[in-house]
Amino acid sequence: MRGNDKLVAFSDFFMKIEKHLLAQCREGDRRAQLKLYDLCYSYMMSICVRYCKDKQEAGARLNLSFLKILQHIDTYDHSGSFKAWISKITVRSIIDEFRSQQKHYQHHQYQGEMIQDDAWNDDDQRLALVEFDVDYILAVINRLPAMDKQVFNMFAIDGYSHKEIAEQLMITTGTSKWHVHEARKKIKESLIKSPKTASLK
């Protein structure tokens, strides 16, 4: 399977969650909650590993996120995608934890405006998806500095706007744009250094 096909498959994940299972979870049925955990595990872990430094931390974030899902499961009304609902809770839980530890991270405060981001154009992105599989690209993202990785994940993968990121992480929109620019530049540099990327040079 080519890299872009794997990325599509990755993003098209679909869980079949039956209404009666969620009803049982609302009632505190431990077996139902464990079954829901098993059904959600792979998808939630795919989110957590993007934000966390290793699988141990990702597992801890997953468990915390799932606890919040159980605590708020009565707010899910079946009108929208359950996948999108748990994704939103998982990402927000990770962001809250990151924000609580943010003082431990060194991050840049950019006061200007990014006029043009030329570190990553459409051709670069298409070639990267063709040349590399998703696991490799995610590994490259995981090696980014903590703040670059956090902002890049929120903007490029989870679809947050720079304004939303600024509000969530208590930074300026310019700083958010700067971190995305730096992340894209570092990702491109890592891919170019790989022996597989002659076509990206």
C-alpha atoms as a PDB file:
ATOM      1  CA  MET A   1       0.000   0.000   0.000  1.00  0.00           C
ATOM      2  CA  ARG A   2       1.383   3.426  -0.981  1.00  0.00           C
ATOM      3  CA  GLY A   3       1.870   6.154   1.627  1.00  0.00           C
ATOM      4  CA  ASN A   4      -1.090   8.268   0.498  1.00  0.00           C
ATOM      5  CA  ASP A   5      -3.396   5.225   0.445  1.00  0.00           C
ATOM      6  CA  LYS A   6      -2.343   4.334   3.989  1.00  0.00           C
ATOM      7  CA  LEU A   7      -2.977   7.901   5.113  1.00  0.00           C
ATOM      8  CA  VAL A   8      -6.491   7.772   3.663  1.00  0.00           C
ATOM      9  CA  ALA A   9      -7.130   4.438   5.371  1.00  0.00           C
ATOM     10  CA  PHE A  10      -5.769   5.900   8.603  1.00  0.00           C
ATOM     11  CA  SER A  11      -8.069   8.927   8.428  1.00  0.00           C
ATOM     12  CA  ASP A  12     -11.121   6.905   7.332  1.00  0.00           C
ATOM     13  CA  PHE A  13     -11.180   4.803  10.493  1.00  0.00           C
ATOM     14  CA  PHE A  14     -14.743   3.869  11.440  1.00  0.00           C
ATOM     15  CA  MET A  15     -16.038   2.301  14.638  1.00  0.00           C
ATOM     16  CA  LYS A  16     -19.362   0.531  14.881  1.00  0.00           C
ATOM     17  CA  ILE A  17     -20.649   1.508  18.309  1.00  0.00           C
ATOM     18  CA  GLU A  18     -24.111   0.220  19.162  1.00  0.00           C
ATOM     19  CA  LYS A  19     -26.497   2.447  21.085  1.00  0.00           C
ATOM     20  CA  HIS A  20     -27.231  -0.182  23.691  1.00  0.00           C
ATOM     21  CA  LEU A  21     -23.502  -0.443  24.500  1.00  0.00           C
ATOM     22  CA  LEU A  22     -23.340   3.292  25.223  1.00  0.00           C
ATOM     23  CA  ALA A  23     -26.506   3.018  27.292  1.00  0.00           C
ATOM     24  CA  GLN A  24     -24.888   0.276  29.358  1.00  0.00           C
ATOM     25  CA  CYS A  25     -21.790   2.429  29.808  1.00  0.00           C
ATOM     26  CA  ARG A  26     -23.962   5.303  31.060  1.00  0.00           C
ATOM     27  CA  GLU A  27     -25.414   2.925  33.647  1.00  0.00           C
ATOM     28  CA  GLY A  28     -21.904   2.074  34.885  1.00  0.00           C
ATOM     29  CA  ASP A  29     -21.747  -1.446  33.423  1.00  0.00           C
ATOM     30  CA  ARG A  30     -18.041  -2.371  33.789  1.00  0.00           C
ATOM     31  CA  ARG A  31     -18.135  -5.015  31.057  1.00  0.00           C
ATOM     32  CA  ALA A  32     -19.682  -2.565  28.619  1.00  0.00           C
ATOM     33  CA  GLN A  33     -17.079   0.070  29.524  1.00  0.00           C
ATOM     34  CA  LEU A  34     -14.280  -2.432  28.937  1.00  0.00           C
ATOM     35  CA  LYS A  35     -15.764  -3.387  25.569  1.00  0.00           C
ATOM     36  CA  LEU A  36     -16.011   0.281  24.593  1.00  0.00           C
ATOM     37  CA  TYR A  37     -12.394   0.773  25.680  1.00  0.00           C
ATOM     38  CA  ASP A  38     -11.308  -2.126  23.452  1.00  0.00           C
ATOM     39  CA  LEU A  39     -13.266  -0.705  20.494  1.00  0.00           C
ATOM     40  CA  CYS A  40     -11.822   2.789  20.926  1.00  0.00           C
ATOM     41  CA  TYR A  41      -8.279   1.829  21.905  1.00  0.00           C
ATOM     42  CA  SER A  42      -6.575   1.736  18.484  1.00  0.00           C
ATOM     43  CA  TYR A  43      -8.087   4.994  17.279  1.00  0.00           C
ATOM     44  CA  MET A  44      -7.418   6.854  20.505  1.00  0.00           C
ATOM     45  CA  MET A  45      -3.862   5.532  20.640  1.00  0.00           C
ATOM     46  CA  SER A  46      -3.268   6.769  17.073  1.00  0.00           C
ATOM     47  CA  ILE A  47      -4.099  10.263  18.356  1.00  0.00           C
ATOM     48  CA  CYS A  48      -2.125  10.017  21.590  1.00  0.00           C
ATOM     49  CA  VAL A  49       1.111   8.768  19.977  1.00  0.00           C
ATOM     50  CA  ARG A  50       1.153  11.844  17.735  1.00  0.00           C
ATOM     51  CA  TYR A  51       1.248  14.166  20.723  1.00  0.00           C
ATOM     52  CA  CYS A  52       3.283  12.200  23.250  1.00  0.00           C
ATOM     53  CA  LYS A  53       7.005  11.525  23.482  1.00  0.00           C
ATOM     54  CA  ASP A  54       6.656   7.736  23.801  1.00  0.00           C
ATOM     55  CA  LYS A  55       4.083   4.945  24.036  1.00  0.00           C
ATOM     56  CA  GLN A  56       4.158   4.920  27.829  1.00  0.00           C
ATOM     57  CA  GLU A  57       3.087   8.558  27.968  1.00  0.00           C
ATOM     58  CA  ALA A  58       0.577   7.940  25.156  1.00  0.00           C
ATOM     59  CA  GLY A  59      -0.972   5.090  27.161  1.00  0.00           C
ATOM     60  CA  ALA A  60      -1.336   7.315  30.220  1.00  0.00           C
ATOM     61  CA  ARG A  61      -2.965  10.068  28.133  1.00  0.00           C
ATOM     62  CA  LEU A  62      -5.276   7.519  26.520  1.00  0.00           C
ATOM     63  CA  ASN A  63      -6.477   6.228  29.879  1.00  0.00           C
ATOM     64  CA  LEU A  64      -7.083   9.745  31.157  1.00  0.00           C
ATOM     65  CA  SER A  65      -8.966  10.625  27.970  1.00  0.00           C
ATOM     66  CA  PHE A  66     -11.101   7.497  28.167  1.00  0.00           C
ATOM     67  CA  LEU A  67     -12.010   8.323  31.767  1.00  0.00           C
ATOM     68  CA  LYS A  68     -13.237  11.717  30.553  1.00  0.00           C
ATOM     69  CA  ILE A  69     -15.211   9.992  27.784  1.00  0.00           C
ATOM     70  CA  LEU A  70     -16.993   7.856  30.385  1.00  0.00           C
ATOM     71  CA  GLN A  71     -17.588  10.880  32.597  1.00  0.00           C
ATOM     72  CA  HIS A  72     -19.223  12.777  29.719  1.00  0.00           C
ATOM     73  CA  ILE A  73     -20.800   9.919  27.781  1.00  0.00           C
ATOM     74  CA  ASP A  74     -24.287  11.100  28.709  1.00  0.00           C
ATOM     75  CA  THR A  75     -23.643  14.249  26.635  1.00  0.00           C
ATOM     76  CA  TYR A  76     -23.251  12.242  23.419  1.00  0.00           C
ATOM     77  CA  ASP A  77     -26.651  12.362  21.685  1.00  0.00           C
ATOM     78  CA  HIS A  78     -25.963  10.152  18.611  1.00  0.00           C
ATOM     79  CA  SER A  79     -26.610  13.083  16.263  1.00  0.00           C
ATOM     80  CA  GLY A  80     -22.991  13.235  15.154  1.00  0.00           C
ATOM     81  CA  SER A  81     -20.027  10.950  14.577  1.00  0.00           C
ATOM     82  CA  PHE A  82     -18.937   9.079  17.695  1.00  0.00           C
ATOM     83  CA  LYS A  83     -15.437   8.968  16.241  1.00  0.00           C
ATOM     84  CA  ALA A  84     -15.368  12.778  15.985  1.00  0.00           C
ATOM     85  CA  TRP A  85     -16.769  13.095  19.510  1.00  0.00           C
ATOM     86  CA  ILE A  86     -14.113  10.896  21.146  1.00  0.00           C
ATOM     87  CA  SER A  87     -11.417  12.521  19.003  1.00  0.00           C
ATOM     88  CA  LYS A  88     -12.413  15.956  20.298  1.00  0.00           C
ATOM     89  CA  ILE A  89     -12.354  14.801  23.922  1.00  0.00           C
ATOM     90  CA  THR A  90      -9.026  12.988  23.476  1.00  0.00           C
ATOM     91  CA  VAL A  91      -7.290  15.964  21.872  1.00  0.00           C
ATOM     92  CA  ARG A  92      -8.701  18.406  24.427  1.00  0.00           C
ATOM     93  CA  SER A  93      -7.589  16.159  27.278  1.00  0.00           C
ATOM     94  CA  ILE A  94      -4.068  16.015  25.847  1.00  0.00           C
ATOM     95  CA  ILE A  95      -4.037  19.792  25.320  1.00  0.00           C
ATOM     96  CA  ASP A  96      -5.180  20.403  28.910  1.00  0.00           C
ATOM     97  CA  GLU A  97      -2.393  18.191  30.236  1.00  0.00           C
ATOM     98  CA  PHE A  98       0.183  19.818  27.953  1.00  0.00           C
ATOM     99  CA  ARG A  99      -0.946  23.273  29.009  1.00  0.00           C
ATOM    100  CA  SER A 100      -0.624  22.343  32.692  1.00  0.00           C
ATOM    101  CA  GLN A 101       3.005  21.374  32.023  1.00  0.00           C
ATOM    102  CA  GLN A 102       3.746  24.119  29.533  1.00  0.00           C
ATOM    103  CA  LYS A 103       5.995  26.030  31.934  1.00  0.00           C
ATOM    104  CA  HIS A 104       8.448  23.134  31.637  1.00  0.00           C
ATOM    105  CA  TYR A 105       8.766  23.594  27.868  1.00  0.00           C
ATOM    106  CA  GLN A 106      10.880  26.173  26.162  1.00  0.00           C
ATOM    107  CA  HIS A 107       8.922  27.824  23.383  1.00  0.00           C
ATOM    108  CA  HIS A 108       9.301  30.788  21.091  1.00  0.00           C
ATOM    109  CA  GLN A 109       7.035  33.825  21.326  1.00  0.00           C
ATOM    110  CA  TYR A 110       6.834  35.286  17.826  1.00  0.00           C
ATOM    111  CA  GLN A 111       5.420  38.809  17.691  1.00  0.00           C
ATOM    112  CA  GLY A 112       5.439  39.375  13.919  1.00  0.00           C
ATOM    113  CA  GLU A 113       3.315  37.939  11.128  1.00  0.00           C
ATOM    114  CA  MET A 114       4.271  35.012   8.912  1.00  0.00           C
ATOM    115  CA  ILE A 115       3.682  36.390   5.421  1.00  0.00           C
ATOM    116  CA  GLN A 116       4.387  33.222   3.479  1.00  0.00           C
ATOM    117  CA  ASP A 117       5.219  29.682   4.524  1.00  0.00           C
ATOM    118  CA  ASP A 118       7.499  28.345   1.792  1.00  0.00           C
ATOM    119  CA  ALA A 119       8.916  25.494   3.883  1.00  0.00           C
ATOM    120  CA  TRP A 120       6.317  22.998   2.665  1.00  0.00           C
ATOM    121  CA  ASN A 121       4.448  23.310  -0.629  1.00  0.00           C
ATOM    122  CA  ASP A 122       1.845  21.014  -2.196  1.00  0.00           C
ATOM    123  CA  ASP A 123       4.421  19.168  -4.316  1.00  0.00           C
ATOM    124  CA  ASP A 124       6.536  18.410  -1.243  1.00  0.00           C
ATOM    125  CA  GLN A 125       3.507  17.061   0.576  1.00  0.00           C
ATOM    126  CA  ARG A 126       2.417  14.820  -2.312  1.00  0.00           C
ATOM    127  CA  LEU A 127       5.928  13.443  -2.769  1.00  0.00           C
ATOM    128  CA  ALA A 128       6.291  12.780   0.956  1.00  0.00           C
ATOM    129  CA  LEU A 129       3.056  10.783   1.011  1.00  0.00           C
ATOM    130  CA  VAL A 130       4.158   8.750  -2.007  1.00  0.00           C
ATOM    131  CA  GLU A 131       7.698   8.051  -0.782  1.00  0.00           C
ATOM    132  CA  PHE A 132       7.006   7.327   2.896  1.00  0.00           C
ATOM    133  CA  ASP A 133       4.510   5.319   4.881  1.00  0.00           C
ATOM    134  CA  VAL A 134       2.440   6.876   7.648  1.00  0.00           C
ATOM    135  CA  ASP A 135       4.453   5.298  10.457  1.00  0.00           C
ATOM    136  CA  TYR A 136       7.668   6.883   9.160  1.00  0.00           C
ATOM    137  CA  ILE A 137       6.106  10.332   8.822  1.00  0.00           C
ATOM    138  CA  LEU A 138       4.604  10.072  12.307  1.00  0.00           C
ATOM    139  CA  ALA A 139       8.021   9.074  13.662  1.00  0.00           C
ATOM    140  CA  VAL A 140       9.515  12.209  12.081  1.00  0.00           C
ATOM    141  CA  ILE A 141       6.764  14.349  13.631  1.00  0.00           C
ATOM    142  CA  ASN A 142       7.363  12.715  17.008  1.00  0.00           C
ATOM    143  CA  ARG A 143      11.002  13.876  16.962  1.00  0.00           C
ATOM    144  CA  LEU A 144       9.986  17.534  16.738  1.00  0.00           C
ATOM    145  CA  PRO A 145      10.513  19.785  19.771  1.00  0.00           C
ATOM    146  CA  ALA A 146       7.529  19.526  22.127  1.00  0.00           C
ATOM    147  CA  MET A 147       5.901  22.850  21.261  1.00  0.00           C
ATOM    148  CA  ASP A 148       6.459  22.490  17.507  1.00  0.00           C
ATOM    149  CA  LYS A 149       4.909  19.008  17.624  1.00  0.00           C
ATOM    150  CA  GLN A 150       1.948  20.146  19.703  1.00  0.00           C
ATOM    151  CA  VAL A 151       1.067  23.076  17.458  1.00  0.00           C
ATOM    152  CA  PHE A 152       1.725  21.163  14.222  1.00  0.00           C
ATOM    153  CA  ASN A 153      -0.550  18.314  15.306  1.00  0.00           C
ATOM    154  CA  MET A 154      -3.315  20.705  16.290  1.00  0.00           C
ATOM    155  CA  PHE A 155      -3.101  22.737  13.075  1.00  0.00           C
ATOM    156  CA  ALA A 156      -2.056  20.344  10.307  1.00  0.00           C
ATOM    157  CA  ILE A 157      -3.708  17.124  11.468  1.00  0.00           C
ATOM    158  CA  ASP A 158      -6.535  17.930  13.881  1.00  0.00           C
ATOM    159  CA  GLY A 159      -7.724  21.039  12.049  1.00  0.00           C
ATOM    160  CA  TYR A 160      -7.511  23.715  14.722  1.00  0.00           C
ATOM    161  CA  SER A 161      -7.168  27.287  13.474  1.00  0.00           C
ATOM    162  CA  HIS A 162      -4.244  29.437  14.600  1.00  0.00           C
ATOM    163  CA  LYS A 163      -6.698  31.503  16.641  1.00  0.00           C
ATOM    164  CA  GLU A 164      -8.002  28.387  18.415  1.00  0.00           C
ATOM    165  CA  ILE A 165      -4.470  27.150  19.064  1.00  0.00           C
ATOM    166  CA  ALA A 166      -3.468  30.531  20.459  1.00  0.00           C
ATOM    167  CA  GLU A 167      -6.445  30.477  22.833  1.00  0.00           C
ATOM    168  CA  GLN A 168      -5.850  26.872  23.914  1.00  0.00           C
ATOM    169  CA  LEU A 169      -2.102  27.213  24.504  1.00  0.00           C
ATOM    170  CA  MET A 170      -2.122  30.862  25.610  1.00  0.00           C
ATOM    171  CA  ILE A 171       0.238  32.031  22.870  1.00  0.00           C
ATOM    172  CA  THR A 172      -0.147  34.555  20.056  1.00  0.00           C
ATOM    173  CA  THR A 173      -1.464  33.576  16.613  1.00  0.00           C
ATOM    174  CA  GLY A 174       1.896  34.656  15.232  1.00  0.00           C
ATOM    175  CA  THR A 175       3.626  32.217  17.571  1.00  0.00           C
ATOM    176  CA  SER A 176       1.291  29.433  16.426  1.00  0.00           C
ATOM    177  CA  LYS A 177       2.134  30.174  12.782  1.00  0.00           C
ATOM    178  CA  TRP A 178       5.837  30.277  13.622  1.00  0.00           C
ATOM    179  CA  HIS A 179       5.725  26.829  15.245  1.00  0.00           C
ATOM    180  CA  VAL A 180       3.892  25.338  12.245  1.00  0.00           C
ATOM    181  CA  HIS A 181       6.458  26.905   9.913  1.00  0.00           C
ATOM    182  CA  GLU A 182       9.342  25.528  11.998  1.00  0.00           C
ATOM    183  CA  ALA A 183       7.734  22.085  12.214  1.00  0.00           C
ATOM    184  CA  ARG A 184       7.219  21.879   8.447  1.00  0.00           C
ATOM    185  CA  LYS A 185      10.797  23.008   7.847  1.00  0.00           C
ATOM    186  CA  LYS A 186      12.196  20.386  10.229  1.00  0.00           C
ATOM    187  CA  ILE A 187       9.987  17.634   8.773  1.00  0.00           C
ATOM    188  CA  LYS A 188      11.109  18.474   5.252  1.00  0.00           C
ATOM    189  CA  GLU A 189      14.766  18.511   6.329  1.00  0.00           C
ATOM    190  CA  SER A 190      14.371  15.083   7.954  1.00  0.00           C
ATOM    191  CA  LEU A 191      12.728  13.621   4.865  1.00  0.00           C
ATOM    192  CA  ILE A 192      15.394  15.060   2.557  1.00  0.00           C
ATOM    193  CA  LYS A 193      18.139  13.515   4.697  1.00  0.00           C
ATOM    194  CA  SER A 194      16.550  10.084   4.349  1.00  0.00           C
ATOM    195  CA  PRO A 195      18.111   7.815   1.683  1.00  0.00           C
ATOM    196  CA  LYS A 196      14.613   7.300   0.293  1.00  0.00           C
ATOM    197  CA  THR A 197      14.191  10.952  -0.741  1.00  0.00           C
ATOM    198  CA  ALA A 198      16.237  11.583  -3.840  1.00  0.00           C
ATOM    199  CA  SER A 199      13.053  12.805  -5.492  1.00  0.00           C
ATOM    200  CA  LEU A 200      12.440  15.358  -2.750  1.00  0.00           C
ATOM    201  CA  LYS A 201      15.772  17.145  -3.192  1.00  0.00           C
END
